[in-house]
Amino acid sequence: MGSSSDKLFNRERTIHELLGGGIVADVMLWRKKNVSVGLVTVTIASWMVFEAFAYTIFTLISSVLLLLLSILFLWSKSASILNRPSPPLPEFQISEAMAEEASIWLRIHVNKLLQVSHDIAMGRDSELYTKVAVSLFLISLIGSLMDFQTLCHTSVLVVMTVPAVYERYEDHIDGSILFICNKAKELYLRVEILAFPENKKLS
């Protein structure tokens, strides 16, 4: 294992620790192989069902909810007629504390997004603009290549493969990415000097 300076973002924790160190991390890193294989199999099978029968996610959710509500409704009606206990359902309620916490979280993240948008619009951070522009371009490109449903299935497969592959070949991948990042920074500085030569005179 190399030093933290040889790692991405100078991190000292392992991939398992970065992913939370719990059951989710074990599944993503294939330490619980039965669950991991099951999740990948269900993802691929559901994608094939959606593609073969032209189902959409909204059609599936509506059908499942309709079936569930019909079963519960008939169960309650038959229970009252036959003097049987009603279905054991908890009360569905959002507490005031949960609503406050969600609104605070939403306000903080929306304010961060607005601040970033303001900084970019005012031309204060060209590096941030480049990152956002590239990200939006990639999102647009991916969106033009696949629909939302396929994107969700593909995302699950990526989450189940990329961390495991990265953990196995961590040193090689870190070295390659750091080399590419350093070259990209050098190229960015050269372009900035060519585009804004007055900045170099001031520095």
C-alpha atoms as a PDB file:
ATOM      1  CA  MET A   1       0.000   0.000   0.000  1.00  0.00           C
ATOM      2  CA  GLY A   2       1.327   3.437  -0.929  1.00  0.00           C
ATOM      3  CA  SER A   3       1.275   6.547   1.173  1.00  0.00           C
ATOM      4  CA  SER A   4      -1.758   8.829   1.397  1.00  0.00           C
ATOM      5  CA  SER A   5      -0.120  11.243  -1.067  1.00  0.00           C
ATOM      6  CA  ASP A   6      -0.226   8.463  -3.693  1.00  0.00           C
ATOM      7  CA  LYS A   7      -3.984   8.063  -3.180  1.00  0.00           C
ATOM      8  CA  LEU A   8      -6.794  10.037  -4.756  1.00  0.00           C
ATOM      9  CA  PHE A   9      -7.664  13.112  -2.641  1.00  0.00           C
ATOM     10  CA  ASN A  10      -4.800  12.121  -0.230  1.00  0.00           C
ATOM     11  CA  ARG A  11      -7.220   9.787   1.550  1.00  0.00           C
ATOM     12  CA  GLU A  12      -6.087   7.465   4.332  1.00  0.00           C
ATOM     13  CA  ARG A  13      -9.231   5.334   4.728  1.00  0.00           C
ATOM     14  CA  THR A  14      -9.966   2.161   2.776  1.00  0.00           C
ATOM     15  CA  ILE A  15     -12.716   1.864   0.158  1.00  0.00           C
ATOM     16  CA  HIS A  16     -14.758  -0.227   2.586  1.00  0.00           C
ATOM     17  CA  GLU A  17     -14.580   2.541   5.203  1.00  0.00           C
ATOM     18  CA  LEU A  18     -15.441   5.241   2.628  1.00  0.00           C
ATOM     19  CA  LEU A  19     -18.561   3.270   1.634  1.00  0.00           C
ATOM     20  CA  GLY A  20     -19.750   3.201   5.253  1.00  0.00           C
ATOM     21  CA  GLY A  21     -18.175  -0.048   6.409  1.00  0.00           C
ATOM     22  CA  GLY A  22     -21.545  -1.781   6.851  1.00  0.00           C
ATOM     23  CA  ILE A  23     -23.687  -4.284   4.983  1.00  0.00           C
ATOM     24  CA  VAL A  24     -24.044  -1.981   1.963  1.00  0.00           C
ATOM     25  CA  ALA A  25     -20.260  -1.744   1.619  1.00  0.00           C
ATOM     26  CA  ASP A  26     -19.959  -5.536   1.945  1.00  0.00           C
ATOM     27  CA  VAL A  27     -22.518  -6.033  -0.835  1.00  0.00           C
ATOM     28  CA  MET A  28     -20.923  -3.441  -3.142  1.00  0.00           C
ATOM     29  CA  LEU A  29     -17.461  -4.969  -2.647  1.00  0.00           C
ATOM     30  CA  TRP A  30     -18.777  -8.540  -3.115  1.00  0.00           C
ATOM     31  CA  ARG A  31     -17.923  -9.654   0.415  1.00  0.00           C
ATOM     32  CA  LYS A  32     -21.464 -11.051   0.688  1.00  0.00           C
ATOM     33  CA  LYS A  33     -21.374 -12.844  -2.647  1.00  0.00           C
ATOM     34  CA  ASN A  34     -24.862 -14.383  -2.466  1.00  0.00           C
ATOM     35  CA  VAL A  35     -26.518 -10.986  -1.929  1.00  0.00           C
ATOM     36  CA  SER A  36     -24.337  -9.313  -4.571  1.00  0.00           C
ATOM     37  CA  VAL A  37     -25.054 -11.995  -7.167  1.00  0.00           C
ATOM     38  CA  GLY A  38     -28.764 -11.841  -6.313  1.00  0.00           C
ATOM     39  CA  LEU A  39     -28.874  -8.059  -6.714  1.00  0.00           C
ATOM     40  CA  VAL A  40     -27.071  -8.141 -10.072  1.00  0.00           C
ATOM     41  CA  THR A  41     -29.301 -10.999 -11.275  1.00  0.00           C
ATOM     42  CA  VAL A  42     -32.495  -9.166 -10.264  1.00  0.00           C
ATOM     43  CA  THR A  43     -31.254  -5.970 -11.943  1.00  0.00           C
ATOM     44  CA  ILE A  44     -30.472  -7.729 -15.235  1.00  0.00           C
ATOM     45  CA  ALA A  45     -33.707  -9.771 -15.130  1.00  0.00           C
ATOM     46  CA  SER A  46     -35.872  -6.714 -14.398  1.00  0.00           C
ATOM     47  CA  TRP A  47     -34.205  -4.790 -17.226  1.00  0.00           C
ATOM     48  CA  MET A  48     -34.937  -7.678 -19.609  1.00  0.00           C
ATOM     49  CA  VAL A  49     -38.581  -7.776 -18.439  1.00  0.00           C
ATOM     50  CA  PHE A  50     -38.956  -4.028 -18.945  1.00  0.00           C
ATOM     51  CA  GLU A  51     -37.425  -4.236 -22.403  1.00  0.00           C
ATOM     52  CA  ALA A  52     -39.275  -7.415 -23.509  1.00  0.00           C
ATOM     53  CA  PHE A  53     -42.769  -6.435 -22.289  1.00  0.00           C
ATOM     54  CA  ALA A  54     -42.363  -2.682 -22.863  1.00  0.00           C
ATOM     55  CA  TYR A  55     -43.171  -1.970 -19.209  1.00  0.00           C
ATOM     56  CA  THR A  56     -42.334   1.389 -17.709  1.00  0.00           C
ATOM     57  CA  ILE A  57     -41.424   2.062 -14.094  1.00  0.00           C
ATOM     58  CA  PHE A  58     -44.651   4.030 -13.555  1.00  0.00           C
ATOM     59  CA  THR A  59     -46.760   1.179 -14.941  1.00  0.00           C
ATOM     60  CA  LEU A  60     -45.025  -1.296 -12.652  1.00  0.00           C
ATOM     61  CA  ILE A  61     -45.327   0.891  -9.537  1.00  0.00           C
ATOM     62  CA  SER A  62     -48.997   1.620 -10.276  1.00  0.00           C
ATOM     63  CA  SER A  63     -49.765  -2.069 -10.808  1.00  0.00           C
ATOM     64  CA  VAL A  64     -47.982  -3.129  -7.600  1.00  0.00           C
ATOM     65  CA  LEU A  65     -49.673  -0.381  -5.543  1.00  0.00           C
ATOM     66  CA  LEU A  66     -53.099  -1.232  -7.005  1.00  0.00           C
ATOM     67  CA  LEU A  67     -52.612  -4.917  -6.163  1.00  0.00           C
ATOM     68  CA  LEU A  68     -51.384  -4.116  -2.640  1.00  0.00           C
ATOM     69  CA  LEU A  69     -54.223  -1.692  -1.882  1.00  0.00           C
ATOM     70  CA  SER A  70     -56.811  -4.131  -3.270  1.00  0.00           C
ATOM     71  CA  ILE A  71     -55.477  -6.955  -1.062  1.00  0.00           C
ATOM     72  CA  LEU A  72     -55.487  -4.741   2.042  1.00  0.00           C
ATOM     73  CA  PHE A  73     -58.954  -3.372   1.278  1.00  0.00           C
ATOM     74  CA  LEU A  74     -60.451  -6.857   0.785  1.00  0.00           C
ATOM     75  CA  TRP A  75     -58.620  -8.120   3.883  1.00  0.00           C
ATOM     76  CA  SER A  76     -60.086  -5.303   6.016  1.00  0.00           C
ATOM     77  CA  LYS A  77     -63.602  -5.817   4.644  1.00  0.00           C
ATOM     78  CA  SER A  78     -63.517  -9.577   5.138  1.00  0.00           C
ATOM     79  CA  ALA A  79     -62.032  -9.140   8.634  1.00  0.00           C
ATOM     80  CA  SER A  80     -64.920  -6.892   9.705  1.00  0.00           C
ATOM     81  CA  ILE A  81     -67.491  -9.367   8.304  1.00  0.00           C
ATOM     82  CA  LEU A  82     -65.847 -12.481   9.794  1.00  0.00           C
ATOM     83  CA  ASN A  83     -64.865 -10.798  13.099  1.00  0.00           C
ATOM     84  CA  ARG A  84     -61.154 -11.286  12.371  1.00  0.00           C
ATOM     85  CA  PRO A  85     -58.307  -8.878  13.188  1.00  0.00           C
ATOM     86  CA  SER A  86     -57.594  -6.141  10.655  1.00  0.00           C
ATOM     87  CA  PRO A  87     -54.293  -6.100   8.762  1.00  0.00           C
ATOM     88  CA  PRO A  88     -51.428  -5.021  11.103  1.00  0.00           C
ATOM     89  CA  LEU A  89     -50.541  -1.702   9.503  1.00  0.00           C
ATOM     90  CA  PRO A  90     -48.597   1.061  11.264  1.00  0.00           C
ATOM     91  CA  GLU A  91     -49.840   4.640  11.088  1.00  0.00           C
ATOM     92  CA  PHE A  92     -48.412   6.494   8.110  1.00  0.00           C
ATOM     93  CA  GLN A  93     -47.366   9.880   9.447  1.00  0.00           C
ATOM     94  CA  ILE A  94     -44.488  12.318   8.978  1.00  0.00           C
ATOM     95  CA  SER A  95     -43.458  13.917  12.240  1.00  0.00           C
ATOM     96  CA  GLU A  96     -42.805  17.642  12.574  1.00  0.00           C
ATOM     97  CA  ALA A  97     -39.149  16.934  13.433  1.00  0.00           C
ATOM     98  CA  MET A  98     -38.680  14.893  10.246  1.00  0.00           C
ATOM     99  CA  ALA A  99     -40.301  17.645   8.149  1.00  0.00           C
ATOM    100  CA  GLU A 100     -38.065  20.307   9.764  1.00  0.00           C
ATOM    101  CA  GLU A 101     -34.925  18.237   9.231  1.00  0.00           C
ATOM    102  CA  ALA A 102     -35.820  17.602   5.575  1.00  0.00           C
ATOM    103  CA  SER A 103     -36.554  21.293   4.957  1.00  0.00           C
ATOM    104  CA  ILE A 104     -33.246  22.371   6.574  1.00  0.00           C
ATOM    105  CA  TRP A 105     -31.301  19.828   4.480  1.00  0.00           C
ATOM    106  CA  LEU A 106     -33.090  20.979   1.322  1.00  0.00           C
ATOM    107  CA  ARG A 107     -32.503  24.685   2.105  1.00  0.00           C
ATOM    108  CA  ILE A 108     -28.765  24.158   2.713  1.00  0.00           C
ATOM    109  CA  HIS A 109     -28.236  22.236  -0.537  1.00  0.00           C
ATOM    110  CA  VAL A 110     -30.387  24.589  -2.640  1.00  0.00           C
ATOM    111  CA  ASN A 111     -28.436  27.567  -1.242  1.00  0.00           C
ATOM    112  CA  LYS A 112     -25.138  25.860  -2.125  1.00  0.00           C
ATOM    113  CA  LEU A 113     -26.408  25.223  -5.652  1.00  0.00           C
ATOM    114  CA  LEU A 114     -27.552  28.843  -6.006  1.00  0.00           C
ATOM    115  CA  GLN A 115     -24.196  30.123  -4.707  1.00  0.00           C
ATOM    116  CA  VAL A 116     -22.288  27.972  -7.196  1.00  0.00           C
ATOM    117  CA  SER A 117     -24.578  29.150 -10.017  1.00  0.00           C
ATOM    118  CA  HIS A 118     -24.044  32.786  -8.955  1.00  0.00           C
ATOM    119  CA  ASP A 119     -20.241  32.396  -8.843  1.00  0.00           C
ATOM    120  CA  ILE A 120     -20.216  30.839 -12.323  1.00  0.00           C
ATOM    121  CA  ALA A 121     -22.564  33.470 -13.771  1.00  0.00           C
ATOM    122  CA  MET A 122     -20.352  36.256 -12.365  1.00  0.00           C
ATOM    123  CA  GLY A 123     -17.237  34.666 -13.898  1.00  0.00           C
ATOM    124  CA  ARG A 124     -15.455  34.289 -10.546  1.00  0.00           C
ATOM    125  CA  ASP A 125     -14.258  30.696 -10.921  1.00  0.00           C
ATOM    126  CA  SER A 126     -13.283  29.459 -14.380  1.00  0.00           C
ATOM    127  CA  GLU A 127     -12.177  26.058 -13.040  1.00  0.00           C
ATOM    128  CA  LEU A 128     -15.588  25.512 -11.425  1.00  0.00           C
ATOM    129  CA  TYR A 129     -17.286  26.567 -14.659  1.00  0.00           C
ATOM    130  CA  THR A 130     -15.227  23.997 -16.575  1.00  0.00           C
ATOM    131  CA  LYS A 131     -16.158  21.216 -14.144  1.00  0.00           C
ATOM    132  CA  VAL A 132     -19.872  22.076 -14.218  1.00  0.00           C
ATOM    133  CA  ALA A 133     -19.902  22.443 -18.013  1.00  0.00           C
ATOM    134  CA  VAL A 134     -18.205  19.068 -18.519  1.00  0.00           C
ATOM    135  CA  SER A 135     -20.575  17.412 -16.009  1.00  0.00           C
ATOM    136  CA  LEU A 136     -23.668  18.861 -17.702  1.00  0.00           C
ATOM    137  CA  PHE A 137     -22.343  17.851 -21.113  1.00  0.00           C
ATOM    138  CA  LEU A 138     -21.779  14.267 -19.919  1.00  0.00           C
ATOM    139  CA  ILE A 139     -25.277  14.131 -18.368  1.00  0.00           C
ATOM    140  CA  SER A 140     -26.756  15.411 -21.644  1.00  0.00           C
ATOM    141  CA  LEU A 141     -24.732  12.879 -23.635  1.00  0.00           C
ATOM    142  CA  ILE A 142     -25.765   9.970 -21.405  1.00  0.00           C
ATOM    143  CA  GLY A 143     -29.399  11.136 -21.498  1.00  0.00           C
ATOM    144  CA  SER A 144     -29.375  11.118 -25.292  1.00  0.00           C
ATOM    145  CA  LEU A 145     -28.011   7.559 -25.382  1.00  0.00           C
ATOM    146  CA  MET A 146     -30.456   5.891 -22.969  1.00  0.00           C
ATOM    147  CA  ASP A 147     -33.768   6.428 -21.219  1.00  0.00           C
ATOM    148  CA  PHE A 148     -34.201   6.912 -17.468  1.00  0.00           C
ATOM    149  CA  GLN A 149     -35.117   3.272 -16.861  1.00  0.00           C
ATOM    150  CA  THR A 150     -32.004   1.921 -18.580  1.00  0.00           C
ATOM    151  CA  LEU A 151     -29.930   4.552 -16.769  1.00  0.00           C
ATOM    152  CA  CYS A 152     -31.183   3.287 -13.380  1.00  0.00           C
ATOM    153  CA  HIS A 153     -30.369  -0.339 -14.236  1.00  0.00           C
ATOM    154  CA  THR A 154     -26.973   0.655 -15.619  1.00  0.00           C
ATOM    155  CA  SER A 155     -26.244   2.705 -12.485  1.00  0.00           C
ATOM    156  CA  VAL A 156     -26.900  -0.327 -10.257  1.00  0.00           C
ATOM    157  CA  LEU A 157     -24.522  -2.439 -12.348  1.00  0.00           C
ATOM    158  CA  VAL A 158     -21.870   0.312 -12.238  1.00  0.00           C
ATOM    159  CA  VAL A 159     -22.228   0.616  -8.439  1.00  0.00           C
ATOM    160  CA  MET A 160     -21.857  -3.161  -8.134  1.00  0.00           C
ATOM    161  CA  THR A 161     -18.762  -3.403 -10.340  1.00  0.00           C
ATOM    162  CA  VAL A 162     -16.684  -0.194 -10.174  1.00  0.00           C
ATOM    163  CA  PRO A 163     -15.950  -0.165  -6.382  1.00  0.00           C
ATOM    164  CA  ALA A 164     -15.023  -3.876  -6.413  1.00  0.00           C
ATOM    165  CA  VAL A 165     -12.710  -3.482  -9.413  1.00  0.00           C
ATOM    166  CA  TYR A 166     -11.205  -0.315  -7.910  1.00  0.00           C
ATOM    167  CA  GLU A 167     -10.520  -2.045  -4.583  1.00  0.00           C
ATOM    168  CA  ARG A 168      -8.760  -4.901  -6.363  1.00  0.00           C
ATOM    169  CA  TYR A 169      -6.569  -2.726  -8.624  1.00  0.00           C
ATOM    170  CA  GLU A 170      -6.431   0.348  -6.356  1.00  0.00           C
ATOM    171  CA  ASP A 171      -2.714   1.175  -6.681  1.00  0.00           C
ATOM    172  CA  HIS A 172      -2.649   0.945 -10.489  1.00  0.00           C
ATOM    173  CA  ILE A 173      -5.841   2.995 -10.918  1.00  0.00           C
ATOM    174  CA  ASP A 174      -4.741   5.696  -8.425  1.00  0.00           C
ATOM    175  CA  GLY A 175      -1.388   6.067 -10.165  1.00  0.00           C
ATOM    176  CA  SER A 176      -2.977   6.364 -13.610  1.00  0.00           C
ATOM    177  CA  ILE A 177      -5.654   8.860 -12.496  1.00  0.00           C
ATOM    178  CA  LEU A 178      -3.136  11.044 -10.620  1.00  0.00           C
ATOM    179  CA  PHE A 179      -0.875  11.058 -13.690  1.00  0.00           C
ATOM    180  CA  ILE A 180      -3.812  12.098 -15.925  1.00  0.00           C
ATOM    181  CA  CYS A 181      -4.915  14.784 -13.428  1.00  0.00           C
ATOM    182  CA  ASN A 182      -1.407  16.267 -13.275  1.00  0.00           C
ATOM    183  CA  LYS A 183      -1.193  16.369 -17.081  1.00  0.00           C
ATOM    184  CA  ALA A 184      -4.669  17.950 -17.264  1.00  0.00           C
ATOM    185  CA  LYS A 185      -3.644  20.630 -14.730  1.00  0.00           C
ATOM    186  CA  GLU A 186      -0.522  21.399 -16.761  1.00  0.00           C
ATOM    187  CA  LEU A 187      -2.616  21.683 -19.937  1.00  0.00           C
ATOM    188  CA  TYR A 188      -5.178  23.888 -18.157  1.00  0.00           C
ATOM    189  CA  LEU A 189      -2.429  26.237 -16.908  1.00  0.00           C
ATOM    190  CA  ARG A 190      -0.953  26.509 -20.411  1.00  0.00           C
ATOM    191  CA  VAL A 191      -4.363  27.294 -21.924  1.00  0.00           C
ATOM    192  CA  GLU A 192      -5.050  29.854 -19.175  1.00  0.00           C
ATOM    193  CA  ILE A 193      -1.695  31.565 -19.796  1.00  0.00           C
ATOM    194  CA  LEU A 194      -2.407  31.675 -23.542  1.00  0.00           C
ATOM    195  CA  ALA A 195      -5.972  32.936 -23.029  1.00  0.00           C
ATOM    196  CA  PHE A 196      -5.201  35.425 -20.222  1.00  0.00           C
ATOM    197  CA  PRO A 197      -1.536  36.544 -20.562  1.00  0.00           C
ATOM    198  CA  GLU A 198      -2.199  39.589 -18.324  1.00  0.00           C
ATOM    199  CA  ASN A 199      -2.732  37.225 -15.316  1.00  0.00           C
ATOM    200  CA  LYS A 200       0.826  35.932 -15.671  1.00  0.00           C
ATOM    201  CA  LYS A 201       2.222  39.464 -15.653  1.00  0.00           C
ATOM    202  CA  LEU A 202       0.358  40.268 -12.437  1.00  0.00           C
ATOM    203  CA  SER A 203       1.542  37.083 -10.658  1.00  0.00           C
END
